[in-house]
C-alpha cells in the first residue's frame, strides 16, 4: 500500500535543489519511518493525528557548494524551524515544556520526512498549516503560560527535598492550555482561516485542501 507523506525541506535543499519547503512524496507502509524514526510529534498526537518524523541526511556536496558562493550570498544550510516546531514538548509535567528534545535543538536541522502514524495520506497543505499553528499559536501561547508560572512564583513549582527535582502541577495553566489549544476543533478553525487566506491569492492547491 502506498500513501502520501511530506518532506519539510531545509534551506539547503530549497536553495540548492530547488525544492519547496513542503513537498509531497509517496511512500509505502514498509518505509523505515515506521520502524526507525526520530520521534513522534506530541502536538499532532493531542490533535488526533499522530505524526512520525524522520531526519533525512543532507547532501554532502552542499558545504562545497556553499564555499563557492560570495560571502554576502551564503546562508545557513540547515535552518528548518517548521520541523523543529512539531517536536516541542507539550507534556504538562515536563521540565522541558515548550522546548524540543536535545536531538532537535542542535542548530543543524536538515530536511525531515513526516508521515501519519496511521498510514493515511498527509498533504503538504496540512503540514504547512500545522507547522504555522505550532510556531505562531502553540509556541507563543506556551510562552504566555511560562510567564504566568514565573509570575505566580513561590508555591507553583514544588521542589522535591530529597532529589531536588522540580514537580510541576498538571492541573493549572498548562492543562488549561492543552484544553484550549490542542484540540482538533481549535486547529480545524485555524486551518479554515489559513485556507481562506490562501485561495484568493490564486494558489489552486488550496482549493480542495
N, C-alpha and C. Protein backbone atom coordinates (compact mmCIF):
# COMPACT_ATOMS: atom_id res chain seq x y z
N UNK A 1 0.83 -1.20 0.00
CA UNK A 1 0.00 0.00 0.00
C UNK A 1 0.87 1.25 0.00
N UNK A 2 0.51 2.22 -0.82
CA UNK A 2 1.24 3.47 -0.93
C UNK A 2 0.35 4.64 -0.49
N UNK A 3 0.98 5.65 0.06
CA UNK A 3 0.24 6.83 0.50
C UNK A 3 1.16 8.03 0.56
N UNK A 4 0.56 9.20 0.75
CA UNK A 4 1.33 10.45 0.72
C UNK A 4 1.95 10.77 2.08
N UNK A 5 3.18 11.27 2.02
CA UNK A 5 3.86 11.83 3.17
C UNK A 5 4.43 13.17 2.71
N UNK A 6 5.09 13.89 3.62
CA UNK A 6 5.57 15.23 3.28
C UNK A 6 7.01 15.42 3.76
N UNK A 7 7.82 15.98 2.87
CA UNK A 7 9.18 16.39 3.25
C UNK A 7 9.14 17.87 3.65
N UNK A 8 9.70 18.17 4.81
CA UNK A 8 9.91 19.55 5.21
C UNK A 8 11.36 19.87 4.89
N UNK A 9 11.56 20.57 3.81
CA UNK A 9 12.92 20.78 3.31
C UNK A 9 13.62 21.93 4.03
N UNK A 10 14.89 21.70 4.35
CA UNK A 10 15.70 22.73 4.99
C UNK A 10 16.15 23.74 3.93
N UNK A 11 16.77 24.82 4.38
CA UNK A 11 17.17 25.88 3.45
C UNK A 11 18.14 25.36 2.39
N UNK A 12 19.03 24.46 2.77
CA UNK A 12 19.99 23.93 1.81
C UNK A 12 19.31 23.23 0.66
N UNK A 13 18.33 22.40 0.96
CA UNK A 13 17.63 21.66 -0.09
C UNK A 13 16.76 22.58 -0.95
N UNK A 14 16.17 23.59 -0.32
CA UNK A 14 15.34 24.51 -1.10
C UNK A 14 16.18 25.35 -2.06
N UNK A 15 17.32 25.83 -1.59
CA UNK A 15 18.10 26.76 -2.41
C UNK A 15 19.04 26.06 -3.38
N UNK A 16 19.58 24.90 -3.00
CA UNK A 16 20.50 24.19 -3.89
C UNK A 16 19.80 23.16 -4.76
N UNK A 17 18.68 22.61 -4.28
CA UNK A 17 17.98 21.57 -5.05
C UNK A 17 16.69 22.09 -5.68
N UNK A 18 16.30 23.33 -5.32
CA UNK A 18 15.09 23.90 -5.90
C UNK A 18 13.79 23.31 -5.39
N UNK A 19 13.82 22.69 -4.21
CA UNK A 19 12.61 22.07 -3.66
C UNK A 19 11.79 23.09 -2.88
N UNK A 20 10.50 22.81 -2.77
CA UNK A 20 9.61 23.63 -1.95
C UNK A 20 9.80 23.25 -0.49
N UNK A 21 9.44 24.19 0.39
CA UNK A 21 9.55 23.92 1.83
C UNK A 21 8.73 22.69 2.22
N UNK A 22 7.51 22.58 1.65
CA UNK A 22 6.62 21.46 1.93
C UNK A 22 6.41 20.69 0.63
N UNK A 23 6.98 19.51 0.55
CA UNK A 23 6.99 18.73 -0.69
C UNK A 23 6.36 17.36 -0.46
N UNK A 24 5.32 17.05 -1.21
CA UNK A 24 4.66 15.74 -1.06
C UNK A 24 5.48 14.65 -1.74
N UNK A 25 5.54 13.51 -1.09
CA UNK A 25 6.20 12.32 -1.64
C UNK A 25 5.30 11.12 -1.40
N UNK A 26 5.56 10.05 -2.09
CA UNK A 26 4.80 8.82 -1.91
C UNK A 26 5.69 7.77 -1.27
N UNK A 27 5.20 7.15 -0.19
CA UNK A 27 5.97 6.11 0.50
C UNK A 27 5.08 4.88 0.70
N UNK A 28 5.71 3.77 1.03
CA UNK A 28 4.96 2.55 1.29
C UNK A 28 4.87 2.29 2.79
N UNK A 29 4.05 1.35 3.16
CA UNK A 29 3.88 1.01 4.57
C UNK A 29 5.15 0.39 5.16
N UNK A 30 6.08 0.02 4.30
CA UNK A 30 7.34 -0.59 4.76
C UNK A 30 8.47 0.43 4.88
N UNK A 31 8.16 1.69 4.71
CA UNK A 31 9.19 2.73 4.80
C UNK A 31 9.81 2.73 6.21
N UNK A 32 11.11 2.99 6.32
CA UNK A 32 11.80 2.99 7.63
C UNK A 32 11.22 3.95 8.65
N UNK A 33 10.47 4.96 8.23
CA UNK A 33 9.91 5.91 9.19
C UNK A 33 9.00 5.23 10.20
N UNK A 34 8.45 4.07 9.82
CA UNK A 34 7.53 3.38 10.73
C UNK A 34 8.25 2.44 11.69
N UNK A 35 9.52 2.23 11.48
CA UNK A 35 10.28 1.35 12.39
C UNK A 35 11.49 2.03 13.01
N UNK A 36 12.05 3.01 12.33
CA UNK A 36 13.24 3.70 12.83
C UNK A 36 13.12 5.20 12.60
N UNK A 37 12.22 5.83 13.36
CA UNK A 37 12.02 7.27 13.20
C UNK A 37 12.75 8.02 14.30
N UNK A 38 12.67 9.36 14.23
CA UNK A 38 13.35 10.19 15.22
C UNK A 38 12.38 10.85 16.18
N UNK A 39 11.19 10.29 16.27
CA UNK A 39 10.24 10.79 17.24
C UNK A 39 8.84 10.98 16.70
N UNK A 40 7.91 11.15 17.62
CA UNK A 40 6.51 11.40 17.30
C UNK A 40 6.15 12.80 17.80
N UNK A 41 5.45 13.54 16.99
CA UNK A 41 5.05 14.89 17.37
C UNK A 41 3.96 14.85 18.43
N UNK A 42 4.30 15.36 19.63
CA UNK A 42 3.31 15.37 20.71
C UNK A 42 2.13 16.28 20.41
N UNK A 43 2.39 17.37 19.71
CA UNK A 43 1.31 18.29 19.35
C UNK A 43 0.30 17.60 18.45
N UNK A 44 0.80 16.93 17.41
CA UNK A 44 -0.11 16.25 16.49
C UNK A 44 -0.87 15.12 17.19
N UNK A 45 -0.24 14.48 18.15
CA UNK A 45 -0.90 13.40 18.90
C UNK A 45 -2.09 13.97 19.66
N UNK A 46 -1.91 15.11 20.31
CA UNK A 46 -3.01 15.75 21.03
C UNK A 46 -4.13 16.14 20.07
N UNK A 47 -3.77 16.53 18.85
CA UNK A 47 -4.77 16.98 17.88
C UNK A 47 -5.50 15.83 17.22
N UNK A 48 -5.05 14.60 17.47
CA UNK A 48 -5.78 13.44 16.98
C UNK A 48 -5.25 12.78 15.73
N UNK A 49 -4.07 13.21 15.23
CA UNK A 49 -3.49 12.56 14.07
C UNK A 49 -1.96 12.46 14.27
N UNK A 50 -1.50 11.51 15.07
CA UNK A 50 -0.08 11.40 15.40
C UNK A 50 0.81 11.33 14.15
N UNK A 51 1.85 12.16 14.16
CA UNK A 51 2.80 12.21 13.04
C UNK A 51 4.16 11.70 13.49
N UNK A 52 4.77 10.89 12.63
CA UNK A 52 6.13 10.41 12.85
C UNK A 52 7.09 11.28 12.04
N UNK A 53 8.26 11.54 12.59
CA UNK A 53 9.23 12.42 11.94
C UNK A 53 10.57 11.72 11.84
N UNK A 54 11.19 11.80 10.67
CA UNK A 54 12.49 11.15 10.46
C UNK A 54 13.42 12.09 9.71
N UNK A 55 14.63 12.26 10.24
CA UNK A 55 15.62 13.09 9.58
C UNK A 55 16.10 12.45 8.28
N UNK A 56 16.31 13.28 7.28
CA UNK A 56 16.89 12.83 6.02
C UNK A 56 18.30 13.42 5.92
N UNK A 57 19.32 12.59 5.78
CA UNK A 57 20.70 13.11 5.72
C UNK A 57 20.86 14.14 4.61
N UNK A 58 21.58 15.23 4.88
CA UNK A 58 21.76 16.27 3.86
C UNK A 58 22.70 15.82 2.76
N UNK A 59 22.62 16.48 1.63
CA UNK A 59 23.52 16.23 0.51
C UNK A 59 24.93 16.65 0.91
N UNK A 60 25.90 15.75 0.89
CA UNK A 60 27.27 16.10 1.33
C UNK A 60 27.97 17.12 0.46
N UNK A 61 27.42 17.41 -0.72
CA UNK A 61 28.07 18.39 -1.61
C UNK A 61 27.67 19.83 -1.28
N UNK A 62 26.67 20.00 -0.41
CA UNK A 62 26.19 21.34 -0.12
C UNK A 62 27.27 22.24 0.48
N UNK A 63 28.07 21.68 1.38
CA UNK A 63 29.10 22.51 2.02
C UNK A 63 30.09 23.07 0.99
N UNK A 64 30.46 22.22 0.03
CA UNK A 64 31.37 22.68 -1.02
C UNK A 64 30.68 23.73 -1.89
N UNK A 65 29.41 23.51 -2.19
CA UNK A 65 28.65 24.47 -2.99
C UNK A 65 28.56 25.82 -2.26
N UNK A 66 28.43 25.75 -0.94
CA UNK A 66 28.34 26.98 -0.17
C UNK A 66 29.63 27.80 -0.26
N UNK A 67 30.77 27.13 -0.22
CA UNK A 67 32.05 27.85 -0.26
C UNK A 67 32.25 28.58 -1.59
N UNK A 68 31.52 28.14 -2.62
CA UNK A 68 31.66 28.78 -3.93
C UNK A 68 30.77 30.01 -4.08
N UNK A 69 29.93 30.26 -3.11
CA UNK A 69 29.07 31.43 -3.15
C UNK A 69 29.81 32.65 -2.59
N UNK A 70 29.51 33.84 -3.09
CA UNK A 70 30.07 35.05 -2.47
C UNK A 70 29.65 35.12 -1.00
N UNK A 71 30.48 35.70 -0.18
CA UNK A 71 30.20 35.74 1.25
C UNK A 71 28.83 36.33 1.55
N UNK A 72 28.45 37.37 0.81
CA UNK A 72 27.15 38.00 1.08
C UNK A 72 25.96 37.19 0.58
N UNK A 73 26.22 36.06 -0.10
CA UNK A 73 25.15 35.19 -0.58
C UNK A 73 25.06 33.89 0.24
N UNK A 74 25.98 33.69 1.16
CA UNK A 74 25.98 32.47 1.94
C UNK A 74 24.85 32.49 2.98
N UNK A 75 24.43 31.31 3.38
CA UNK A 75 23.30 31.19 4.30
C UNK A 75 23.48 29.94 5.15
N UNK A 76 22.61 29.79 6.13
CA UNK A 76 22.64 28.61 7.00
C UNK A 76 21.96 27.45 6.28
N UNK A 77 22.70 26.40 6.02
CA UNK A 77 22.18 25.27 5.25
C UNK A 77 21.03 24.54 5.94
N UNK A 78 21.10 24.47 7.26
CA UNK A 78 20.20 23.56 7.97
C UNK A 78 19.16 24.27 8.82
N UNK A 79 18.67 25.41 8.33
CA UNK A 79 17.57 26.07 9.02
C UNK A 79 16.27 25.35 8.65
N UNK A 80 15.55 24.87 9.66
CA UNK A 80 14.28 24.19 9.39
C UNK A 80 13.36 24.34 10.61
N UNK A 81 13.00 25.58 10.94
CA UNK A 81 12.18 25.81 12.14
C UNK A 81 10.82 25.13 12.09
N UNK A 82 10.29 24.92 10.89
CA UNK A 82 8.98 24.26 10.78
C UNK A 82 9.05 22.85 11.35
N UNK A 83 10.13 22.13 11.03
CA UNK A 83 10.29 20.77 11.53
C UNK A 83 10.47 20.74 13.04
N UNK A 84 11.29 21.64 13.56
CA UNK A 84 11.55 21.69 14.99
C UNK A 84 10.26 22.00 15.76
N UNK A 85 9.41 22.85 15.20
CA UNK A 85 8.18 23.25 15.89
C UNK A 85 7.26 22.07 16.17
N UNK A 86 7.33 21.05 15.32
CA UNK A 86 6.48 19.87 15.52
C UNK A 86 6.88 19.07 16.75
N UNK A 87 8.15 19.22 17.17
CA UNK A 87 8.69 18.35 18.21
C UNK A 87 8.75 19.01 19.58
N UNK A 88 8.13 20.17 19.73
CA UNK A 88 8.10 20.86 21.02
C UNK A 88 7.43 19.98 22.07
N UNK A 89 7.98 19.98 23.27
CA UNK A 89 7.47 19.17 24.38
C UNK A 89 6.21 19.83 24.96
N UNK A 90 5.09 19.12 24.90
CA UNK A 90 3.84 19.66 25.44
C UNK A 90 3.30 18.81 26.59
N UNK A 91 4.16 17.98 27.18
CA UNK A 91 3.74 17.20 28.34
C UNK A 91 3.63 18.15 29.54
N UNK A 92 2.48 18.18 30.19
CA UNK A 92 2.23 19.19 31.21
C UNK A 92 3.19 19.13 32.39
N UNK A 93 3.69 17.95 32.73
CA UNK A 93 4.56 17.83 33.90
C UNK A 93 6.05 17.83 33.53
N UNK A 94 6.35 18.15 32.29
CA UNK A 94 7.74 18.09 31.84
C UNK A 94 8.54 19.34 32.23
N UNK A 95 9.80 19.13 32.61
CA UNK A 95 10.70 20.24 32.89
C UNK A 95 11.17 20.89 31.59
N UNK A 96 10.92 20.22 30.47
CA UNK A 96 11.34 20.74 29.16
C UNK A 96 10.17 21.31 28.37
N UNK A 97 9.12 21.67 29.09
CA UNK A 97 7.93 22.28 28.47
C UNK A 97 8.35 23.39 27.51
N UNK A 98 7.76 23.39 26.33
CA UNK A 98 7.97 24.39 25.27
C UNK A 98 9.28 24.19 24.51
N UNK A 99 10.10 23.24 24.94
CA UNK A 99 11.38 23.03 24.27
C UNK A 99 11.36 21.72 23.48
N UNK A 100 12.07 21.69 22.34
CA UNK A 100 12.20 20.41 21.62
C UNK A 100 13.25 19.56 22.32
N UNK A 101 13.24 18.24 22.15
CA UNK A 101 14.30 17.39 22.70
C UNK A 101 15.67 17.85 22.17
N UNK A 102 16.72 17.54 22.91
CA UNK A 102 18.06 17.98 22.52
C UNK A 102 18.42 17.54 21.11
N UNK A 103 17.92 16.38 20.71
CA UNK A 103 18.19 15.88 19.36
C UNK A 103 17.73 16.87 18.30
N UNK A 104 16.65 17.61 18.63
CA UNK A 104 16.07 18.55 17.67
C UNK A 104 16.48 19.98 17.95
N UNK A 105 17.44 20.18 18.81
CA UNK A 105 17.81 21.54 19.20
C UNK A 105 19.32 21.72 19.09
N UNK A 106 19.87 21.32 17.96
CA UNK A 106 21.32 21.37 17.78
C UNK A 106 21.76 22.44 16.78
N UNK A 107 20.79 23.15 16.22
CA UNK A 107 21.12 24.16 15.23
C UNK A 107 21.50 23.57 13.90
N UNK A 108 21.27 22.26 13.72
CA UNK A 108 21.56 21.58 12.47
C UNK A 108 20.34 20.77 12.06
N UNK A 109 19.34 21.49 11.61
CA UNK A 109 18.05 20.87 11.35
C UNK A 109 17.87 20.64 9.85
N UNK A 110 18.27 19.47 9.42
CA UNK A 110 18.20 19.16 7.99
C UNK A 110 16.76 18.81 7.61
N UNK A 111 16.57 18.44 6.36
CA UNK A 111 15.26 18.04 5.86
C UNK A 111 14.72 16.85 6.65
N UNK A 112 13.41 16.83 6.87
CA UNK A 112 12.78 15.70 7.55
C UNK A 112 11.62 15.18 6.72
N UNK A 113 11.29 13.92 6.96
CA UNK A 113 10.11 13.31 6.37
C UNK A 113 9.07 13.20 7.47
N UNK A 114 7.84 13.54 7.14
CA UNK A 114 6.73 13.47 8.10
C UNK A 114 5.64 12.58 7.52
N UNK A 115 5.17 11.64 8.32
CA UNK A 115 4.12 10.72 7.87
C UNK A 115 3.14 10.46 8.99
N UNK A 116 1.91 10.20 8.62
CA UNK A 116 0.90 9.85 9.63
C UNK A 116 1.18 8.45 10.18
N UNK A 117 1.07 8.32 11.48
CA UNK A 117 1.32 7.03 12.13
C UNK A 117 0.32 5.99 11.69
N UNK A 118 -0.91 6.44 11.36
CA UNK A 118 -1.95 5.52 10.93
C UNK A 118 -1.88 5.20 9.44
N UNK A 119 -0.83 5.71 8.76
CA UNK A 119 -0.57 5.43 7.35
C UNK A 119 -1.65 5.97 6.42
N UNK A 120 -2.33 7.02 6.83
CA UNK A 120 -3.26 7.70 5.93
C UNK A 120 -2.51 8.79 5.18
N UNK A 121 -3.10 9.28 4.09
CA UNK A 121 -2.46 10.34 3.31
C UNK A 121 -2.25 11.60 4.15
N UNK A 122 -1.10 12.22 3.93
CA UNK A 122 -0.77 13.50 4.55
C UNK A 122 -0.37 14.44 3.43
N UNK A 123 -0.96 15.64 3.39
CA UNK A 123 -0.69 16.56 2.29
C UNK A 123 0.23 17.70 2.73
N UNK A 124 0.86 18.33 1.74
CA UNK A 124 1.73 19.47 2.00
C UNK A 124 0.94 20.60 2.65
N UNK A 125 -0.30 20.80 2.21
CA UNK A 125 -1.13 21.86 2.79
C UNK A 125 -1.37 21.61 4.27
N UNK A 126 -1.67 20.38 4.62
CA UNK A 126 -1.93 20.06 6.02
C UNK A 126 -0.71 20.33 6.89
N UNK A 127 0.46 19.95 6.40
CA UNK A 127 1.67 20.14 7.19
C UNK A 127 2.04 21.62 7.27
N UNK A 128 1.82 22.35 6.19
CA UNK A 128 2.11 23.78 6.22
C UNK A 128 1.25 24.49 7.28
N UNK A 129 -0.04 24.15 7.31
CA UNK A 129 -0.91 24.77 8.31
C UNK A 129 -0.50 24.36 9.71
N UNK A 130 -0.23 23.08 9.90
CA UNK A 130 0.13 22.59 11.23
C UNK A 130 1.39 23.27 11.76
N UNK A 131 2.43 23.38 10.93
CA UNK A 131 3.67 23.99 11.41
C UNK A 131 3.47 25.48 11.68
N UNK A 132 2.61 26.13 10.90
CA UNK A 132 2.29 27.52 11.20
C UNK A 132 1.55 27.63 12.53
N UNK A 133 0.65 26.71 12.76
CA UNK A 133 -0.09 26.68 14.02
C UNK A 133 0.87 26.46 15.20
N UNK A 134 1.81 25.54 15.01
CA UNK A 134 2.79 25.24 16.06
C UNK A 134 3.65 26.46 16.38
N UNK A 135 4.10 27.16 15.33
CA UNK A 135 5.01 28.27 15.51
C UNK A 135 4.33 29.55 16.00
N UNK A 136 3.14 29.84 15.46
CA UNK A 136 2.53 31.14 15.71
C UNK A 136 1.39 31.12 16.72
N UNK A 137 0.88 29.94 17.05
CA UNK A 137 -0.17 29.85 18.06
C UNK A 137 0.32 29.08 19.28
N UNK A 138 0.71 27.83 19.05
CA UNK A 138 1.09 26.96 20.16
C UNK A 138 2.32 27.48 20.89
N UNK A 139 3.40 27.72 20.18
CA UNK A 139 4.63 28.15 20.83
C UNK A 139 4.45 29.48 21.56
N UNK A 140 3.77 30.41 20.93
CA UNK A 140 3.57 31.72 21.55
C UNK A 140 2.73 31.60 22.82
N UNK A 141 1.65 30.83 22.76
CA UNK A 141 0.79 30.67 23.93
C UNK A 141 1.50 29.91 25.04
N UNK A 142 2.38 28.98 24.69
CA UNK A 142 3.16 28.28 25.72
C UNK A 142 4.07 29.26 26.45
N UNK A 143 4.59 30.22 25.71
CA UNK A 143 5.42 31.25 26.34
C UNK A 143 4.61 32.07 27.33
N UNK A 144 3.36 32.36 26.99
CA UNK A 144 2.48 33.09 27.90
C UNK A 144 2.26 32.29 29.17
N UNK A 145 2.08 30.97 29.02
CA UNK A 145 1.89 30.10 30.16
C UNK A 145 3.11 30.12 31.07
N UNK A 146 4.29 30.04 30.48
CA UNK A 146 5.52 30.05 31.28
C UNK A 146 5.68 31.38 32.02
N UNK A 147 5.31 32.46 31.37
CA UNK A 147 5.40 33.77 32.02
C UNK A 147 4.47 33.82 33.23
N UNK A 148 3.28 33.24 33.09
CA UNK A 148 2.33 33.22 34.21
C UNK A 148 2.89 32.38 35.34
N UNK A 149 3.52 31.25 35.00
CA UNK A 149 4.11 30.41 36.04
C UNK A 149 5.16 31.18 36.84
N UNK A 150 6.00 31.91 36.14
CA UNK A 150 7.06 32.66 36.82
C UNK A 150 6.46 33.78 37.67
N UNK A 151 5.39 34.40 37.19
CA UNK A 151 4.76 35.46 37.95
C UNK A 151 4.09 34.91 39.21
N UNK A 152 3.58 33.68 39.12
CA UNK A 152 2.95 33.07 40.29
C UNK A 152 3.98 32.79 41.38
N UNK A 153 5.22 32.55 40.94
CA UNK A 153 6.34 32.43 41.88
C UNK A 153 6.24 31.27 42.83
N UNK A 154 6.65 31.54 44.09
CA UNK A 154 6.73 30.50 45.11
C UNK A 154 5.38 29.81 45.27
N UNK A 155 5.46 28.51 45.37
CA UNK A 155 4.24 27.74 45.60
C UNK A 155 3.70 27.08 44.35
N UNK A 156 4.22 27.47 43.19
CA UNK A 156 3.73 26.84 41.96
C UNK A 156 4.60 25.64 41.59
N UNK A 157 5.90 25.87 41.43
CA UNK A 157 6.80 24.76 41.18
C UNK A 157 7.27 24.21 42.53
N UNK A 158 7.05 22.93 42.77
CA UNK A 158 7.43 22.30 44.02
C UNK A 158 8.76 21.56 43.83
N UNK A 159 9.70 21.76 44.74
CA UNK A 159 11.00 21.10 44.65
C UNK A 159 11.04 19.94 45.64
N UNK A 160 11.34 18.74 45.14
CA UNK A 160 11.46 17.56 45.98
C UNK A 160 12.69 17.71 46.87
N UNK A 161 12.50 17.67 48.17
CA UNK A 161 13.60 17.91 49.11
C UNK A 161 14.69 16.84 49.02
N UNK A 162 14.33 15.63 48.64
CA UNK A 162 15.30 14.54 48.58
C UNK A 162 16.08 14.53 47.27
N UNK A 163 15.41 14.68 46.17
CA UNK A 163 16.07 14.57 44.86
C UNK A 163 16.42 15.92 44.24
N UNK A 164 15.73 16.97 44.70
CA UNK A 164 15.96 18.28 44.09
C UNK A 164 15.19 18.47 42.79
N UNK A 165 14.41 17.45 42.40
CA UNK A 165 13.64 17.54 41.16
C UNK A 165 12.47 18.51 41.33
N UNK A 166 12.14 19.16 40.23
CA UNK A 166 11.01 20.08 40.23
C UNK A 166 9.74 19.33 39.85
N UNK A 167 8.73 19.45 40.68
CA UNK A 167 7.44 18.85 40.39
C UNK A 167 6.47 19.96 39.99
N UNK A 168 5.92 19.85 38.81
CA UNK A 168 5.06 20.91 38.28
C UNK A 168 3.61 20.45 38.28
N UNK A 169 2.72 21.19 38.94
CA UNK A 169 1.30 20.81 38.94
C UNK A 169 0.77 20.67 37.52
N UNK A 170 -0.06 19.69 37.30
CA UNK A 170 -0.59 19.47 35.95
C UNK A 170 -2.02 19.96 35.80
N UNK A 171 -2.55 20.57 36.84
CA UNK A 171 -3.97 20.92 36.81
C UNK A 171 -4.19 22.43 36.75
N UNK A 172 -3.16 23.18 36.40
CA UNK A 172 -3.32 24.64 36.38
C UNK A 172 -3.17 25.16 34.96
N UNK A 173 -2.25 26.10 34.76
CA UNK A 173 -2.19 26.79 33.47
C UNK A 173 -1.84 25.89 32.31
N UNK A 174 -0.98 24.92 32.52
CA UNK A 174 -0.56 24.07 31.39
C UNK A 174 -1.70 23.20 30.89
N UNK A 175 -2.43 22.60 31.81
CA UNK A 175 -3.55 21.76 31.38
C UNK A 175 -4.63 22.60 30.71
N UNK A 176 -4.81 23.81 31.19
CA UNK A 176 -5.79 24.70 30.56
C UNK A 176 -5.35 25.02 29.13
N UNK A 177 -4.04 25.22 28.95
CA UNK A 177 -3.52 25.45 27.60
C UNK A 177 -3.82 24.27 26.68
N UNK A 178 -3.56 23.05 27.17
CA UNK A 178 -3.83 21.84 26.38
C UNK A 178 -5.31 21.80 25.99
N UNK A 179 -6.16 22.09 26.95
CA UNK A 179 -7.61 22.04 26.69
C UNK A 179 -8.05 23.11 25.71
N UNK A 180 -7.37 24.25 25.74
CA UNK A 180 -7.78 25.38 24.89
C UNK A 180 -7.21 25.31 23.47
N UNK A 181 -5.96 24.81 23.33
CA UNK A 181 -5.27 24.95 22.05
C UNK A 181 -4.92 23.63 21.35
N UNK A 182 -4.89 22.54 22.08
CA UNK A 182 -4.51 21.28 21.44
C UNK A 182 -5.71 20.35 21.29
N UNK A 183 -6.79 20.91 20.82
CA UNK A 183 -7.98 20.15 20.48
C UNK A 183 -8.23 20.26 18.99
N UNK A 184 -8.74 19.21 18.40
CA UNK A 184 -8.91 19.17 16.94
C UNK A 184 -9.82 20.28 16.43
N UNK A 185 -10.83 20.67 17.22
CA UNK A 185 -11.75 21.71 16.78
C UNK A 185 -11.07 23.06 16.64
N UNK A 186 -10.16 23.37 17.56
CA UNK A 186 -9.43 24.63 17.52
C UNK A 186 -8.53 24.67 16.29
N UNK A 187 -7.86 23.56 16.01
CA UNK A 187 -6.98 23.50 14.85
C UNK A 187 -7.78 23.56 13.56
N UNK A 188 -8.94 22.92 13.53
CA UNK A 188 -9.78 22.92 12.33
C UNK A 188 -10.18 24.35 11.96
N UNK A 189 -10.49 25.17 12.94
CA UNK A 189 -10.86 26.56 12.68
C UNK A 189 -9.65 27.32 12.13
N UNK A 190 -8.48 27.06 12.70
CA UNK A 190 -7.26 27.71 12.23
C UNK A 190 -6.97 27.30 10.79
N UNK A 191 -7.19 26.02 10.49
CA UNK A 191 -6.95 25.50 9.14
C UNK A 191 -7.83 26.24 8.13
N UNK A 192 -9.11 26.37 8.45
CA UNK A 192 -10.05 27.02 7.51
C UNK A 192 -9.68 28.49 7.30
N UNK A 193 -9.28 29.15 8.36
CA UNK A 193 -8.89 30.56 8.24
C UNK A 193 -7.63 30.69 7.38
N UNK A 194 -6.67 29.79 7.60
CA UNK A 194 -5.43 29.79 6.82
C UNK A 194 -5.74 29.55 5.34
N UNK A 195 -6.63 28.60 5.09
CA UNK A 195 -7.01 28.26 3.72
C UNK A 195 -7.68 29.44 3.03
N UNK A 196 -8.56 30.11 3.74
CA UNK A 196 -9.27 31.24 3.15
C UNK A 196 -8.34 32.39 2.79
N UNK A 197 -7.22 32.46 3.46
CA UNK A 197 -6.22 33.48 3.12
C UNK A 197 -5.39 33.08 1.91
N UNK A 198 -5.32 31.79 1.62
CA UNK A 198 -4.52 31.28 0.50
C UNK A 198 -5.29 31.30 -0.82
N UNK A 199 -6.53 30.87 -0.79
CA UNK A 199 -7.31 30.70 -2.01
C UNK A 199 -7.44 32.00 -2.83
N UNK A 200 -7.74 33.15 -2.21
CA UNK A 200 -7.86 34.38 -3.01
C UNK A 200 -6.56 34.80 -3.70
N UNK A 201 -5.42 34.27 -3.23
CA UNK A 201 -4.14 34.62 -3.82
C UNK A 201 -3.83 33.80 -5.06
N UNK A 202 -4.79 32.94 -5.44
CA UNK A 202 -4.63 32.18 -6.68
C UNK A 202 -3.88 30.87 -6.56
N UNK A 203 -3.66 30.38 -5.34
CA UNK A 203 -2.96 29.11 -5.14
C UNK A 203 -3.98 27.98 -5.28
N UNK A 204 -4.00 27.35 -6.45
CA UNK A 204 -5.01 26.33 -6.74
C UNK A 204 -4.90 25.10 -5.86
N UNK A 205 -3.72 24.84 -5.31
CA UNK A 205 -3.52 23.64 -4.47
C UNK A 205 -4.37 23.70 -3.21
N UNK A 206 -4.84 24.89 -2.84
CA UNK A 206 -5.62 25.02 -1.62
C UNK A 206 -7.12 24.91 -1.84
N UNK A 207 -7.54 24.86 -3.08
CA UNK A 207 -8.98 24.84 -3.37
C UNK A 207 -9.68 23.67 -2.70
N UNK A 208 -9.05 22.51 -2.71
CA UNK A 208 -9.66 21.30 -2.12
C UNK A 208 -8.91 20.83 -0.88
N UNK A 209 -8.15 21.72 -0.27
CA UNK A 209 -7.34 21.32 0.90
C UNK A 209 -8.24 20.97 2.09
